[in-house]
Amino acid sequence: MDTAISKNKVPIRMTPERWMHITTGHPEVADYYYEILETLENPDVIYEGINDAQIAIRRIKEGLDKFVIVIYKETSSEDGFIITAYISKKEQEFIKKKILWKQQN
């Protein structure tokens, strides 16, 4: 099991069971394991999700319209977990959501 530290300084778990679930539902992310963890630690933006979830987004490479999307939940100040992750070309699908944190340029 690996963990990444969120912007709120909460360890977010990536369990083997969760990774299997993610790659079964979204096989396109199989090569992006470390990018998913990096997205949690260094997102471009974090949006408010449903049921207290958070949505971290990070552009894969400058100039490309491809984003790593990680949906996760912080259950306490000391624990959290990844719900799902996927690759998208549509960052705008989240634009109407509340921004919780944004990278300063």
N, C-alpha and C. Protein backbone atom coordinates (compact mmCIF):
# COMPACT_ATOMS: atom_id res chain seq x y z
N MET A 1 0.85 -1.18 0.00
CA MET A 1 0.00 0.00 0.00
C MET A 1 0.88 1.23 0.00
N ASP A 2 0.55 2.17 -0.88
CA ASP A 2 1.25 3.45 -0.93
C ASP A 2 0.34 4.54 -0.40
N THR A 3 0.96 5.64 0.03
CA THR A 3 0.19 6.79 0.46
C THR A 3 0.75 8.04 -0.18
N ALA A 4 -0.10 9.02 -0.33
CA ALA A 4 0.29 10.35 -0.78
C ALA A 4 -0.27 11.32 0.24
N ILE A 5 0.39 12.45 0.40
CA ILE A 5 -0.05 13.45 1.37
C ILE A 5 -0.83 14.55 0.65
N SER A 6 -2.08 14.73 1.04
CA SER A 6 -2.93 15.73 0.40
C SER A 6 -2.49 17.15 0.78
N LYS A 7 -3.08 18.13 0.14
CA LYS A 7 -2.79 19.54 0.45
C LYS A 7 -3.20 19.88 1.87
N ASN A 8 -4.11 19.11 2.46
CA ASN A 8 -4.50 19.31 3.86
C ASN A 8 -3.60 18.52 4.81
N LYS A 9 -2.52 17.96 4.28
CA LYS A 9 -1.54 17.19 5.07
C LYS A 9 -2.11 15.88 5.61
N VAL A 10 -3.07 15.32 4.89
CA VAL A 10 -3.70 14.05 5.28
C VAL A 10 -3.12 12.93 4.43
N PRO A 11 -2.64 11.83 5.04
CA PRO A 11 -2.18 10.68 4.26
C PRO A 11 -3.38 10.02 3.55
N ILE A 12 -3.26 9.88 2.23
CA ILE A 12 -4.32 9.28 1.42
C ILE A 12 -3.82 7.92 0.93
N ARG A 13 -4.55 6.87 1.27
CA ARG A 13 -4.14 5.49 0.96
C ARG A 13 -4.52 5.07 -0.45
N MET A 14 -3.58 4.35 -1.10
CA MET A 14 -3.86 3.65 -2.35
C MET A 14 -3.62 2.18 -2.05
N THR A 15 -4.70 1.46 -1.77
CA THR A 15 -4.57 0.04 -1.43
C THR A 15 -4.52 -0.80 -2.71
N PRO A 16 -3.96 -2.00 -2.64
CA PRO A 16 -3.96 -2.88 -3.82
C PRO A 16 -5.38 -3.16 -4.32
N GLU A 17 -6.33 -3.32 -3.40
CA GLU A 17 -7.72 -3.56 -3.81
C GLU A 17 -8.27 -2.37 -4.60
N ARG A 18 -7.96 -1.16 -4.15
CA ARG A 18 -8.45 0.05 -4.82
C ARG A 18 -7.81 0.19 -6.19
N TRP A 19 -6.49 -0.10 -6.28
CA TRP A 19 -5.80 -0.01 -7.56
C TRP A 19 -6.39 -1.00 -8.56
N MET A 20 -6.70 -2.20 -8.10
CA MET A 20 -7.33 -3.21 -8.96
C MET A 20 -8.69 -2.71 -9.44
N HIS A 21 -9.47 -2.13 -8.53
CA HIS A 21 -10.78 -1.59 -8.88
C HIS A 21 -10.64 -0.47 -9.93
N ILE A 22 -9.70 0.43 -9.73
CA ILE A 22 -9.51 1.56 -10.65
C ILE A 22 -9.09 1.06 -12.03
N THR A 23 -8.11 0.17 -12.09
CA THR A 23 -7.61 -0.28 -13.39
C THR A 23 -8.59 -1.21 -14.11
N THR A 24 -9.46 -1.85 -13.36
CA THR A 24 -10.50 -2.66 -14.00
C THR A 24 -11.54 -1.75 -14.67
N GLY A 25 -11.94 -0.72 -13.98
CA GLY A 25 -12.93 0.21 -14.52
C GLY A 25 -12.37 1.22 -15.50
N HIS A 26 -11.10 1.55 -15.34
CA HIS A 26 -10.44 2.56 -16.18
C HIS A 26 -9.07 2.04 -16.60
N PRO A 27 -9.02 1.06 -17.51
CA PRO A 27 -7.73 0.45 -17.88
C PRO A 27 -6.72 1.45 -18.46
N GLU A 28 -7.19 2.60 -18.93
CA GLU A 28 -6.28 3.60 -19.47
C GLU A 28 -5.35 4.20 -18.42
N VAL A 29 -5.63 4.02 -17.13
CA VAL A 29 -4.77 4.57 -16.08
C VAL A 29 -3.69 3.60 -15.61
N ALA A 30 -3.65 2.41 -16.15
CA ALA A 30 -2.70 1.40 -15.68
C ALA A 30 -1.25 1.89 -15.68
N ASP A 31 -0.90 2.75 -16.61
CA ASP A 31 0.48 3.27 -16.69
C ASP A 31 0.67 4.57 -15.90
N TYR A 32 -0.33 5.00 -15.15
CA TYR A 32 -0.29 6.29 -14.47
C TYR A 32 -0.31 6.19 -12.95
N TYR A 33 0.14 5.10 -12.39
CA TYR A 33 0.10 4.90 -10.94
C TYR A 33 0.77 6.06 -10.19
N TYR A 34 2.02 6.35 -10.55
CA TYR A 34 2.76 7.39 -9.83
C TYR A 34 2.22 8.79 -10.12
N GLU A 35 1.66 8.99 -11.31
CA GLU A 35 1.04 10.27 -11.64
C GLU A 35 -0.21 10.50 -10.78
N ILE A 36 -0.91 9.42 -10.45
CA ILE A 36 -2.09 9.54 -9.58
C ILE A 36 -1.65 10.00 -8.19
N LEU A 37 -0.62 9.38 -7.65
CA LEU A 37 -0.12 9.80 -6.33
C LEU A 37 0.41 11.23 -6.39
N GLU A 38 1.10 11.57 -7.47
CA GLU A 38 1.63 12.93 -7.65
C GLU A 38 0.48 13.95 -7.74
N THR A 39 -0.61 13.57 -8.38
CA THR A 39 -1.77 14.46 -8.49
C THR A 39 -2.34 14.77 -7.11
N LEU A 40 -2.34 13.80 -6.22
CA LEU A 40 -2.81 14.06 -4.85
C LEU A 40 -1.89 15.03 -4.12
N GLU A 41 -0.60 14.88 -4.31
CA GLU A 41 0.35 15.72 -3.58
C GLU A 41 0.55 17.09 -4.22
N ASN A 42 0.47 17.16 -5.54
CA ASN A 42 0.73 18.41 -6.26
C ASN A 42 -0.30 18.66 -7.35
N PRO A 43 -1.56 18.84 -6.98
CA PRO A 43 -2.59 19.07 -7.99
C PRO A 43 -2.51 20.48 -8.56
N ASP A 44 -3.12 20.67 -9.72
CA ASP A 44 -3.29 22.02 -10.25
C ASP A 44 -4.46 22.70 -9.55
N VAL A 45 -5.49 21.90 -9.25
CA VAL A 45 -6.70 22.42 -8.61
C VAL A 45 -7.39 21.27 -7.88
N ILE A 46 -8.10 21.62 -6.81
CA ILE A 46 -8.93 20.66 -6.09
C ILE A 46 -10.34 21.23 -6.03
N TYR A 47 -11.30 20.42 -6.49
CA TYR A 47 -12.70 20.80 -6.47
C TYR A 47 -13.44 20.03 -5.39
N GLU A 48 -14.57 20.57 -4.97
CA GLU A 48 -15.43 19.89 -4.02
C GLU A 48 -16.22 18.82 -4.77
N GLY A 49 -16.19 17.60 -4.23
CA GLY A 49 -16.97 16.51 -4.82
C GLY A 49 -18.25 16.30 -4.03
N ILE A 50 -18.89 15.17 -4.26
CA ILE A 50 -20.12 14.87 -3.52
C ILE A 50 -19.78 14.01 -2.30
N ASN A 51 -20.63 14.08 -1.29
CA ASN A 51 -20.46 13.30 -0.05
C ASN A 51 -19.08 13.51 0.58
N ASP A 52 -18.65 14.76 0.66
CA ASP A 52 -17.37 15.14 1.28
C ASP A 52 -16.13 14.66 0.52
N ALA A 53 -16.29 14.19 -0.70
CA ALA A 53 -15.14 13.80 -1.50
C ALA A 53 -14.48 15.06 -2.07
N GLN A 54 -13.24 14.90 -2.51
CA GLN A 54 -12.51 15.97 -3.15
C GLN A 54 -12.01 15.46 -4.50
N ILE A 55 -11.85 16.37 -5.46
CA ILE A 55 -11.44 16.00 -6.81
C ILE A 55 -10.16 16.75 -7.12
N ALA A 56 -9.05 16.02 -7.18
CA ALA A 56 -7.75 16.62 -7.52
C ALA A 56 -7.51 16.44 -9.01
N ILE A 57 -7.05 17.51 -9.66
CA ILE A 57 -6.80 17.48 -11.10
C ILE A 57 -5.40 18.01 -11.37
N ARG A 58 -4.72 17.33 -12.28
CA ARG A 58 -3.38 17.76 -12.69
C ARG A 58 -3.21 17.48 -14.17
N ARG A 59 -2.72 18.48 -14.89
CA ARG A 59 -2.43 18.31 -16.31
C ARG A 59 -1.26 17.33 -16.44
N ILE A 60 -1.38 16.38 -17.36
CA ILE A 60 -0.33 15.37 -17.51
C ILE A 60 0.96 16.00 -18.01
N LYS A 61 0.88 16.76 -19.10
CA LYS A 61 2.06 17.45 -19.63
C LYS A 61 1.60 18.78 -20.19
N GLU A 62 2.44 19.77 -20.08
CA GLU A 62 2.10 21.08 -20.63
C GLU A 62 1.82 20.95 -22.12
N GLY A 63 0.82 21.66 -22.57
CA GLY A 63 0.48 21.65 -23.99
C GLY A 63 -0.49 20.55 -24.39
N LEU A 64 -0.61 19.51 -23.57
CA LEU A 64 -1.55 18.44 -23.86
C LEU A 64 -2.84 18.69 -23.10
N ASP A 65 -3.94 18.39 -23.73
CA ASP A 65 -5.23 18.52 -23.05
C ASP A 65 -5.61 17.19 -22.44
N LYS A 66 -4.77 16.70 -21.54
CA LYS A 66 -5.01 15.46 -20.84
C LYS A 66 -4.78 15.70 -19.36
N PHE A 67 -5.71 15.23 -18.55
CA PHE A 67 -5.65 15.47 -17.12
C PHE A 67 -5.79 14.16 -16.34
N VAL A 68 -5.07 14.08 -15.22
CA VAL A 68 -5.29 13.00 -14.27
C VAL A 68 -6.33 13.52 -13.28
N ILE A 69 -7.39 12.77 -13.09
CA ILE A 69 -8.46 13.12 -12.17
C ILE A 69 -8.45 12.09 -11.04
N VAL A 70 -8.33 12.55 -9.80
CA VAL A 70 -8.33 11.65 -8.65
C VAL A 70 -9.41 12.10 -7.69
N ILE A 71 -10.33 11.20 -7.40
CA ILE A 71 -11.40 11.48 -6.44
C ILE A 71 -11.05 10.74 -5.16
N TYR A 72 -11.02 11.48 -4.06
CA TYR A 72 -10.59 10.90 -2.79
C TYR A 72 -11.38 11.49 -1.64
N LYS A 73 -11.23 10.87 -0.49
CA LYS A 73 -11.94 11.33 0.70
C LYS A 73 -10.98 11.37 1.88
N GLU A 74 -11.03 12.45 2.62
CA GLU A 74 -10.28 12.57 3.87
C GLU A 74 -11.25 12.24 4.99
N THR A 75 -11.04 11.11 5.66
CA THR A 75 -11.98 10.69 6.71
C THR A 75 -11.64 11.28 8.07
N SER A 76 -10.40 11.72 8.24
CA SER A 76 -9.97 12.38 9.47
C SER A 76 -8.72 13.19 9.12
N SER A 77 -8.12 13.81 10.12
CA SER A 77 -6.89 14.56 9.85
C SER A 77 -5.69 13.63 9.68
N GLU A 78 -5.90 12.34 9.93
CA GLU A 78 -4.80 11.37 9.83
C GLU A 78 -5.05 10.25 8.84
N ASP A 79 -6.18 10.27 8.11
CA ASP A 79 -6.46 9.16 7.20
C ASP A 79 -7.40 9.58 6.09
N GLY A 80 -7.15 8.99 4.92
CA GLY A 80 -8.01 9.20 3.77
C GLY A 80 -7.76 8.10 2.77
N PHE A 81 -8.59 8.04 1.73
CA PHE A 81 -8.43 6.99 0.73
C PHE A 81 -8.86 7.49 -0.64
N ILE A 82 -8.32 6.85 -1.66
CA ILE A 82 -8.69 7.14 -3.04
C ILE A 82 -9.97 6.38 -3.36
N ILE A 83 -10.91 7.08 -3.95
CA ILE A 83 -12.15 6.46 -4.39
C ILE A 83 -11.98 5.92 -5.81
N THR A 84 -11.51 6.78 -6.71
CA THR A 84 -11.26 6.38 -8.09
C THR A 84 -10.32 7.38 -8.74
N ALA A 85 -9.86 7.02 -9.93
CA ALA A 85 -8.99 7.90 -10.71
C ALA A 85 -9.17 7.56 -12.17
N TYR A 86 -9.00 8.57 -13.02
CA TYR A 86 -9.10 8.33 -14.45
C TYR A 86 -8.41 9.45 -15.21
N ILE A 87 -8.26 9.25 -16.51
CA ILE A 87 -7.67 10.23 -17.40
C ILE A 87 -8.80 10.88 -18.18
N SER A 88 -8.73 12.20 -18.34
CA SER A 88 -9.80 12.90 -19.05
C SER A 88 -9.21 14.02 -19.89
N LYS A 89 -9.90 14.37 -20.94
CA LYS A 89 -9.54 15.55 -21.74
C LYS A 89 -10.47 16.71 -21.40
N LYS A 90 -11.35 16.52 -20.41
CA LYS A 90 -12.39 17.49 -20.11
C LYS A 90 -12.27 18.05 -18.71
N GLU A 91 -11.33 18.93 -18.48
CA GLU A 91 -11.26 19.58 -17.18
C GLU A 91 -12.52 20.40 -16.93
N GLN A 92 -13.11 20.92 -18.00
CA GLN A 92 -14.27 21.79 -17.86
C GLN A 92 -15.48 21.11 -17.24
N GLU A 93 -15.48 19.77 -17.16
CA GLU A 93 -16.62 19.09 -16.52
C GLU A 93 -16.72 19.44 -15.03
N PHE A 94 -15.67 20.02 -14.47
CA PHE A 94 -15.66 20.36 -13.05
C PHE A 94 -15.78 21.86 -12.79
N ILE A 95 -15.75 22.66 -13.82
CA ILE A 95 -15.67 24.11 -13.65
C ILE A 95 -16.82 24.68 -12.83
N LYS A 96 -17.98 24.07 -12.85
CA LYS A 96 -19.12 24.59 -12.08
C LYS A 96 -19.04 24.20 -10.61
N LYS A 97 -18.09 23.34 -10.26
CA LYS A 97 -17.93 22.92 -8.87
C LYS A 97 -17.13 23.96 -8.09
N LYS A 98 -17.29 23.94 -6.79
CA LYS A 98 -16.58 24.86 -5.91
C LYS A 98 -15.09 24.49 -5.86
N ILE A 99 -14.23 25.49 -6.03
CA ILE A 99 -12.79 25.28 -5.92
C ILE A 99 -12.41 25.32 -4.45
N LEU A 100 -11.74 24.25 -3.98
CA LEU A 100 -11.28 24.20 -2.60
C LEU A 100 -9.85 24.69 -2.46
N TRP A 101 -9.06 24.47 -3.52
CA TRP A 101 -7.65 24.86 -3.51
C TRP A 101 -7.19 25.00 -4.95
N LYS A 102 -6.33 25.96 -5.22
CA LYS A 102 -5.80 26.15 -6.57
C LYS A 102 -4.33 26.52 -6.50
N GLN A 103 -3.54 25.91 -7.38
CA GLN A 103 -2.11 26.21 -7.48
C GLN A 103 -1.93 27.67 -7.86
N GLN A 104 -1.07 28.36 -7.15
CA GLN A 104 -0.76 29.76 -7.48
C GLN A 104 0.34 29.80 -8.53
N ASN A 105 0.11 30.57 -9.57
CA ASN A 105 1.12 30.65 -10.67
C ASN A 105 2.22 31.60 -10.36
